[in-house]
C-alpha atoms as a PDB file:
ATOM      1  CA  UNK A   1      24.303  25.256  24.254  1.00  0.00           C
ATOM      2  CA  UNK A   2      20.619  25.944  25.342  1.00  0.00           C
ATOM      3  CA  UNK A   3      17.330  24.116  24.836  1.00  0.00           C
ATOM      4  CA  UNK A   4      15.716  24.475  21.425  1.00  0.00           C
ATOM      5  CA  UNK A   5      13.216  27.432  21.428  1.00  0.00           C
ATOM      6  CA  UNK A   6       9.636  26.642  20.833  1.00  0.00           C
ATOM      7  CA  UNK A   7       9.110  29.490  18.176  1.00  0.00           C
ATOM      8  CA  UNK A   8      10.306  27.559  15.173  1.00  0.00           C
ATOM      9  CA  UNK A   9       7.299  27.316  12.849  1.00  0.00           C
ATOM     10  CA  UNK A  10       7.199  23.798  11.624  1.00  0.00           C
ATOM     11  CA  UNK A  11       3.784  24.155  10.261  1.00  0.00           C
ATOM     12  CA  UNK A  12       5.472  25.963   7.233  1.00  0.00           C
ATOM     13  CA  UNK A  13       8.299  24.809   4.890  1.00  0.00           C
ATOM     14  CA  UNK A  14      11.745  25.396   6.192  1.00  0.00           C
ATOM     15  CA  UNK A  15      12.836  27.350   3.155  1.00  0.00           C
ATOM     16  CA  UNK A  16      11.432  30.656   1.694  1.00  0.00           C
ATOM     17  CA  UNK A  17       8.672  29.599  -0.865  1.00  0.00           C
ATOM     18  CA  UNK A  18       9.106  33.031  -2.464  1.00  0.00           C
ATOM     19  CA  UNK A  19      12.250  31.967  -4.092  1.00  0.00           C
ATOM     20  CA  UNK A  20      13.132  29.292  -6.618  1.00  0.00           C
ATOM     21  CA  UNK A  21      15.845  27.884  -4.493  1.00  0.00           C
ATOM     22  CA  UNK A  22      13.543  27.772  -1.418  1.00  0.00           C
ATOM     23  CA  UNK A  23      10.887  25.936  -3.422  1.00  0.00           C
ATOM     24  CA  UNK A  24      13.417  23.537  -4.995  1.00  0.00           C
ATOM     25  CA  UNK A  25      14.970  22.683  -1.604  1.00  0.00           C
ATOM     26  CA  UNK A  26      11.504  21.996  -0.198  1.00  0.00           C
ATOM     27  CA  UNK A  27      10.409  19.901  -3.122  1.00  0.00           C
ATOM     28  CA  UNK A  28      13.636  17.896  -3.046  1.00  0.00           C
ATOM     29  CA  UNK A  29      13.370  17.258   0.669  1.00  0.00           C
ATOM     30  CA  UNK A  30       9.650  16.175   0.482  1.00  0.00           C
ATOM     31  CA  UNK A  31      10.146  13.871  -2.456  1.00  0.00           C
ATOM     32  CA  UNK A  32      13.477  12.368  -1.228  1.00  0.00           C
ATOM     33  CA  UNK A  33      13.214   8.552  -2.141  1.00  0.00           C
ATOM     34  CA  UNK A  34      15.685   7.744   0.803  1.00  0.00           C
ATOM     35  CA  UNK A  35      12.682   8.318   3.097  1.00  0.00           C
ATOM     36  CA  UNK A  36      11.219   5.167   1.738  1.00  0.00           C
ATOM     37  CA  UNK A  37      14.091   3.181   3.320  1.00  0.00           C
ATOM     38  CA  UNK A  38      13.461   4.427   6.827  1.00  0.00           C
ATOM     39  CA  UNK A  39      12.299   1.893   9.397  1.00  0.00           C
ATOM     40  CA  UNK A  40       8.996   1.942  11.240  1.00  0.00           C
ATOM     41  CA  UNK A  41      10.836   2.890  14.463  1.00  0.00           C
ATOM     42  CA  UNK A  42      12.587   5.932  12.820  1.00  0.00           C
ATOM     43  CA  UNK A  43       9.213   7.097  11.337  1.00  0.00           C
ATOM     44  CA  UNK A  44       7.589   6.713  14.879  1.00  0.00           C
ATOM     45  CA  UNK A  45      10.648   8.659  16.408  1.00  0.00           C
ATOM     46  CA  UNK A  46      10.182  11.374  13.891  1.00  0.00           C
ATOM     47  CA  UNK A  47       6.358  11.508  14.643  1.00  0.00           C
ATOM     48  CA  UNK A  48       7.090  11.812  18.394  1.00  0.00           C
ATOM     49  CA  UNK A  49       9.611  14.562  17.974  1.00  0.00           C
ATOM     50  CA  UNK A  50       7.102  16.564  15.841  1.00  0.00           C
ATOM     51  CA  UNK A  51       4.103  15.951  18.032  1.00  0.00           C
ATOM     52  CA  UNK A  52       5.981  16.702  21.209  1.00  0.00           C
ATOM     53  CA  UNK A  53       7.301  19.952  19.684  1.00  0.00           C
ATOM     54  CA  UNK A  54       3.942  20.969  18.625  1.00  0.00           C
ATOM     55  CA  UNK A  55       2.679  20.311  22.190  1.00  0.00           C
ATOM     56  CA  UNK A  56       5.432  22.487  23.501  1.00  0.00           C
ATOM     57  CA  UNK A  57       7.713  19.572  24.625  1.00  0.00           C
ATOM     58  CA  UNK A  58      11.349  19.742  23.383  1.00  0.00           C
ATOM     59  CA  UNK A  59      13.206  16.486  23.179  1.00  0.00           C
ATOM     60  CA  UNK A  60      16.487  17.061  25.295  1.00  0.00           C
ATOM     61  CA  UNK A  61      19.436  17.775  23.138  1.00  0.00           C
ATOM     62  CA  UNK A  62      17.357  18.148  20.000  1.00  0.00           C
ATOM     63  CA  UNK A  63      18.933  20.590  17.449  1.00  0.00           C
ATOM     64  CA  UNK A  64      17.077  22.728  14.945  1.00  0.00           C
ATOM     65  CA  UNK A  65      18.475  20.588  12.005  1.00  0.00           C
ATOM     66  CA  UNK A  66      17.183  17.370  13.801  1.00  0.00           C
ATOM     67  CA  UNK A  67      13.722  19.018  14.336  1.00  0.00           C
ATOM     68  CA  UNK A  68      13.515  19.906  10.664  1.00  0.00           C
ATOM     69  CA  UNK A  69      14.700  16.514   9.573  1.00  0.00           C
ATOM     70  CA  UNK A  70      12.074  14.835  11.835  1.00  0.00           C
ATOM     71  CA  UNK A  71       9.482  17.196  10.475  1.00  0.00           C
ATOM     72  CA  UNK A  72      10.235  16.217   6.790  1.00  0.00           C
ATOM     73  CA  UNK A  73      10.462  12.410   7.653  1.00  0.00           C
ATOM     74  CA  UNK A  74       7.093  12.912   9.517  1.00  0.00           C
ATOM     75  CA  UNK A  75       5.653  14.787   6.482  1.00  0.00           C
ATOM     76  CA  UNK A  76       6.886  12.199   4.115  1.00  0.00           C
ATOM     77  CA  UNK A  77       5.207   9.184   5.800  1.00  0.00           C
ATOM     78  CA  UNK A  78       2.040  10.577   7.701  1.00  0.00           C
ATOM     79  CA  UNK A  79      -1.114  12.056   6.121  1.00  0.00           C
ATOM     80  CA  UNK A  80      -1.323  15.697   7.213  1.00  0.00           C
ATOM     81  CA  UNK A  81      -4.931  15.708   8.157  1.00  0.00           C
ATOM     82  CA  UNK A  82      -5.543  12.308   9.631  1.00  0.00           C
ATOM     83  CA  UNK A  83      -2.079  11.532  10.905  1.00  0.00           C
ATOM     84  CA  UNK A  84      -2.304   7.899   9.548  1.00  0.00           C
ATOM     85  CA  UNK A  85       0.797   6.273   8.071  1.00  0.00           C
ATOM     86  CA  UNK A  86       0.499   6.552   4.189  1.00  0.00           C
ATOM     87  CA  UNK A  87       0.977   3.249   2.350  1.00  0.00           C
ATOM     88  CA  UNK A  88       4.645   3.119   1.029  1.00  0.00           C
ATOM     89  CA  UNK A  89       3.834   3.610  -2.747  1.00  0.00           C
ATOM     90  CA  UNK A  90       1.380   6.322  -2.008  1.00  0.00           C
ATOM     91  CA  UNK A  91       4.049   8.702  -0.429  1.00  0.00           C
ATOM     92  CA  UNK A  92       5.470  11.610  -2.255  1.00  0.00           C
ATOM     93  CA  UNK A  93       8.951  10.160  -1.828  1.00  0.00           C
ATOM     94  CA  UNK A  94       7.764   7.107  -4.003  1.00  0.00           C
ATOM     95  CA  UNK A  95       6.951   9.409  -6.905  1.00  0.00           C
ATOM     96  CA  UNK A  96      10.441   9.414  -8.737  1.00  0.00           C
ATOM     97  CA  UNK A  97      11.351   5.719  -8.476  1.00  0.00           C
ATOM     98  CA  UNK A  98       7.901   4.608  -9.275  1.00  0.00           C
ATOM     99  CA  UNK A  99       7.198   6.996 -12.043  1.00  0.00           C
ATOM    100  CA  UNK A 100      10.607   6.373 -13.576  1.00  0.00           C
ATOM    101  CA  UNK A 101       9.902   2.466 -13.519  1.00  0.00           C
ATOM    102  CA  UNK A 102       6.370   2.796 -14.916  1.00  0.00           C
ATOM    103  CA  UNK A 103       7.302   5.250 -17.565  1.00  0.00           C
ATOM    104  CA  UNK A 104      10.276   3.229 -18.668  1.00  0.00           C
ATOM    105  CA  UNK A 105       8.038   0.118 -18.978  1.00  0.00           C
ATOM    106  CA  UNK A 106       5.333   1.978 -20.923  1.00  0.00           C
ATOM    107  CA  UNK A 107       8.071   3.247 -23.351  1.00  0.00           C
ATOM    108  CA  UNK A 108       9.725  -0.207 -23.628  1.00  0.00           C
ATOM    109  CA  UNK A 109       6.649  -2.467 -23.912  1.00  0.00           C
ATOM    110  CA  UNK A 110       4.418  -0.482 -26.421  1.00  0.00           C
ATOM    111  CA  UNK A 111       4.400  -2.891 -29.329  1.00  0.00           C
ATOM    112  CA  UNK A 112       1.785  -5.320 -28.215  1.00  0.00           C
ATOM    113  CA  UNK A 113      -1.693  -4.554 -27.213  1.00  0.00           C
ATOM    114  CA  UNK A 114      -1.868  -6.596 -24.035  1.00  0.00           C
ATOM    115  CA  UNK A 115       1.327  -4.849 -22.702  1.00  0.00           C
ATOM    116  CA  UNK A 116      -0.030  -1.385 -23.464  1.00  0.00           C
ATOM    117  CA  UNK A 117      -3.285  -2.135 -21.611  1.00  0.00           C
ATOM    118  CA  UNK A 118      -1.168  -3.705 -18.745  1.00  0.00           C
ATOM    119  CA  UNK A 119       1.279  -0.876 -18.169  1.00  0.00           C
ATOM    120  CA  UNK A 120      -1.698   1.861 -18.692  1.00  0.00           C
ATOM    121  CA  UNK A 121      -3.490  -0.072 -15.899  1.00  0.00           C
ATOM    122  CA  UNK A 122      -0.356  -0.109 -13.670  1.00  0.00           C
ATOM    123  CA  UNK A 123       0.083   3.532 -14.176  1.00  0.00           C
ATOM    124  CA  UNK A 124      -3.446   4.465 -13.313  1.00  0.00           C
ATOM    125  CA  UNK A 125      -3.477   2.218 -10.394  1.00  0.00           C
ATOM    126  CA  UNK A 126      -0.429   3.917  -9.118  1.00  0.00           C
ATOM    127  CA  UNK A 127      -1.891   7.291  -9.695  1.00  0.00           C
ATOM    128  CA  UNK A 128      -5.138   6.237  -7.844  1.00  0.00           C
ATOM    129  CA  UNK A 129      -3.089   5.061  -4.900  1.00  0.00           C
ATOM    130  CA  UNK A 130      -1.090   8.364  -4.747  1.00  0.00           C
ATOM    131  CA  UNK A 131      -4.317  10.508  -5.090  1.00  0.00           C
ATOM    132  CA  UNK A 132      -6.323   8.512  -2.571  1.00  0.00           C
ATOM    133  CA  UNK A 133      -3.336   8.396  -0.135  1.00  0.00           C
ATOM    134  CA  UNK A 134      -2.947  12.215  -0.306  1.00  0.00           C
ATOM    135  CA  UNK A 135      -6.481  13.281  -0.371  1.00  0.00           C
ATOM    136  CA  UNK A 136      -8.082  15.799   1.861  1.00  0.00           C
ATOM    137  CA  UNK A 137      -8.694  14.087   5.142  1.00  0.00           C
ATOM    138  CA  UNK A 138     -11.927  15.925   5.915  1.00  0.00           C
ATOM    139  CA  UNK A 139     -13.687  15.219   2.576  1.00  0.00           C
ATOM    140  CA  UNK A 140     -15.310  11.741   2.779  1.00  0.00           C
ATOM    141  CA  UNK A 141     -15.500   9.773  -0.610  1.00  0.00           C
ATOM    142  CA  UNK A 142     -17.717   6.716  -1.117  1.00  0.00           C
ATOM    143  CA  UNK A 143     -16.473   3.491  -2.460  1.00  0.00           C
ATOM    144  CA  UNK A 144     -18.876   4.126  -5.520  1.00  0.00           C
ATOM    145  CA  UNK A 145     -17.157   7.570  -6.189  1.00  0.00           C
ATOM    146  CA  UNK A 146     -13.558   5.876  -5.964  1.00  0.00           C
ATOM    147  CA  UNK A 147     -14.587   3.091  -8.218  1.00  0.00           C
ATOM    148  CA  UNK A 148     -16.091   5.467 -10.781  1.00  0.00           C
ATOM    149  CA  UNK A 149     -13.161   7.666 -10.798  1.00  0.00           C
ATOM    150  CA  UNK A 150     -10.662   4.687 -11.070  1.00  0.00           C
ATOM    151  CA  UNK A 151     -12.604   2.899 -13.820  1.00  0.00           C
ATOM    152  CA  UNK A 152     -13.071   6.307 -15.799  1.00  0.00           C
ATOM    153  CA  UNK A 153      -9.378   7.248 -15.545  1.00  0.00           C
ATOM    154  CA  UNK A 154      -8.055   3.740 -16.469  1.00  0.00           C
ATOM    155  CA  UNK A 155     -10.600   3.349 -19.433  1.00  0.00           C
ATOM    156  CA  UNK A 156      -9.523   6.872 -20.661  1.00  0.00           C
ATOM    157  CA  UNK A 157      -5.869   6.160 -20.466  1.00  0.00           C
ATOM    158  CA  UNK A 158      -6.142   2.699 -22.219  1.00  0.00           C
ATOM    159  CA  UNK A 159      -8.405   4.043 -24.973  1.00  0.00           C
ATOM    160  CA  UNK A 160      -6.042   6.955 -25.566  1.00  0.00           C
ATOM    161  CA  UNK A 161      -2.953   4.735 -25.577  1.00  0.00           C
ATOM    162  CA  UNK A 162      -4.501   2.242 -27.930  1.00  0.00           C
ATOM    163  CA  UNK A 163      -5.838   4.979 -30.121  1.00  0.00           C
ATOM    164  CA  UNK A 164      -2.427   6.738 -30.393  1.00  0.00           C
ATOM    165  CA  UNK A 165      -0.792   3.335 -31.022  1.00  0.00           C
ATOM    166  CA  UNK A 166      -3.218   2.655 -33.853  1.00  0.00           C
ATOM    167  CA  UNK A 167      -2.844   6.160 -35.200  1.00  0.00           C
ATOM    168  CA  UNK A 168       0.977   5.834 -35.331  1.00  0.00           C
ATOM    169  CA  UNK A 169       0.905   2.488 -37.051  1.00  0.00           C
ATOM    170  CA  UNK A 170      -1.499   3.818 -39.777  1.00  0.00           C
ATOM    171  CA  UNK A 171       0.277   7.048 -40.528  1.00  0.00           C
ATOM    172  CA  UNK A 172       3.015   7.071 -43.027  1.00  0.00           C
ATOM    173  CA  UNK A 173       6.508   7.956 -42.040  1.00  0.00           C
ATOM    174  CA  UNK A 174       7.763  11.445 -43.139  1.00  0.00           C
ATOM    175  CA  UNK A 175       9.357  11.589 -46.546  1.00  0.00           C
ATOM    176  CA  UNK A 176      12.997  12.882 -46.787  1.00  0.00           C
ATOM    177  CA  UNK A 177      14.043  15.888 -48.820  1.00  0.00           C
END
């Protein structure tokens, strides 16, 4: 078994993005919630493998599957432009567990106005963290812009939720045949 070649393009997804199966495999790998459970040491090891490979240095004994795994672990935890580690709940791998929890709570606790406001606020705060964490690294944004966007989105979500709650209470149930 020889050394891993340097011509593997890890700048692109592993699977053909021109096919449904390729896109699905890529999506499920990027959003894999198990990546949230990886230790800081494993994340750093993945970063080292990827950065070394990009610099033309192959870790001895590294297989192609291990390289791709390291690439997806690296992509799941580090910002693509800045290289900074993304806060845990801002990572794409947190999308499924966080959204399931938040959506479940919004559907469960809809009867009282304070809980509607609270869960809409939690949802918009989570969305803001994800959007901020995955923003373009070369486009600076001021604190004022961030605050305006956050307050606008949160206010819009709360007003919409409370309006729909009020509408559904005042509308009459459908009459049977």
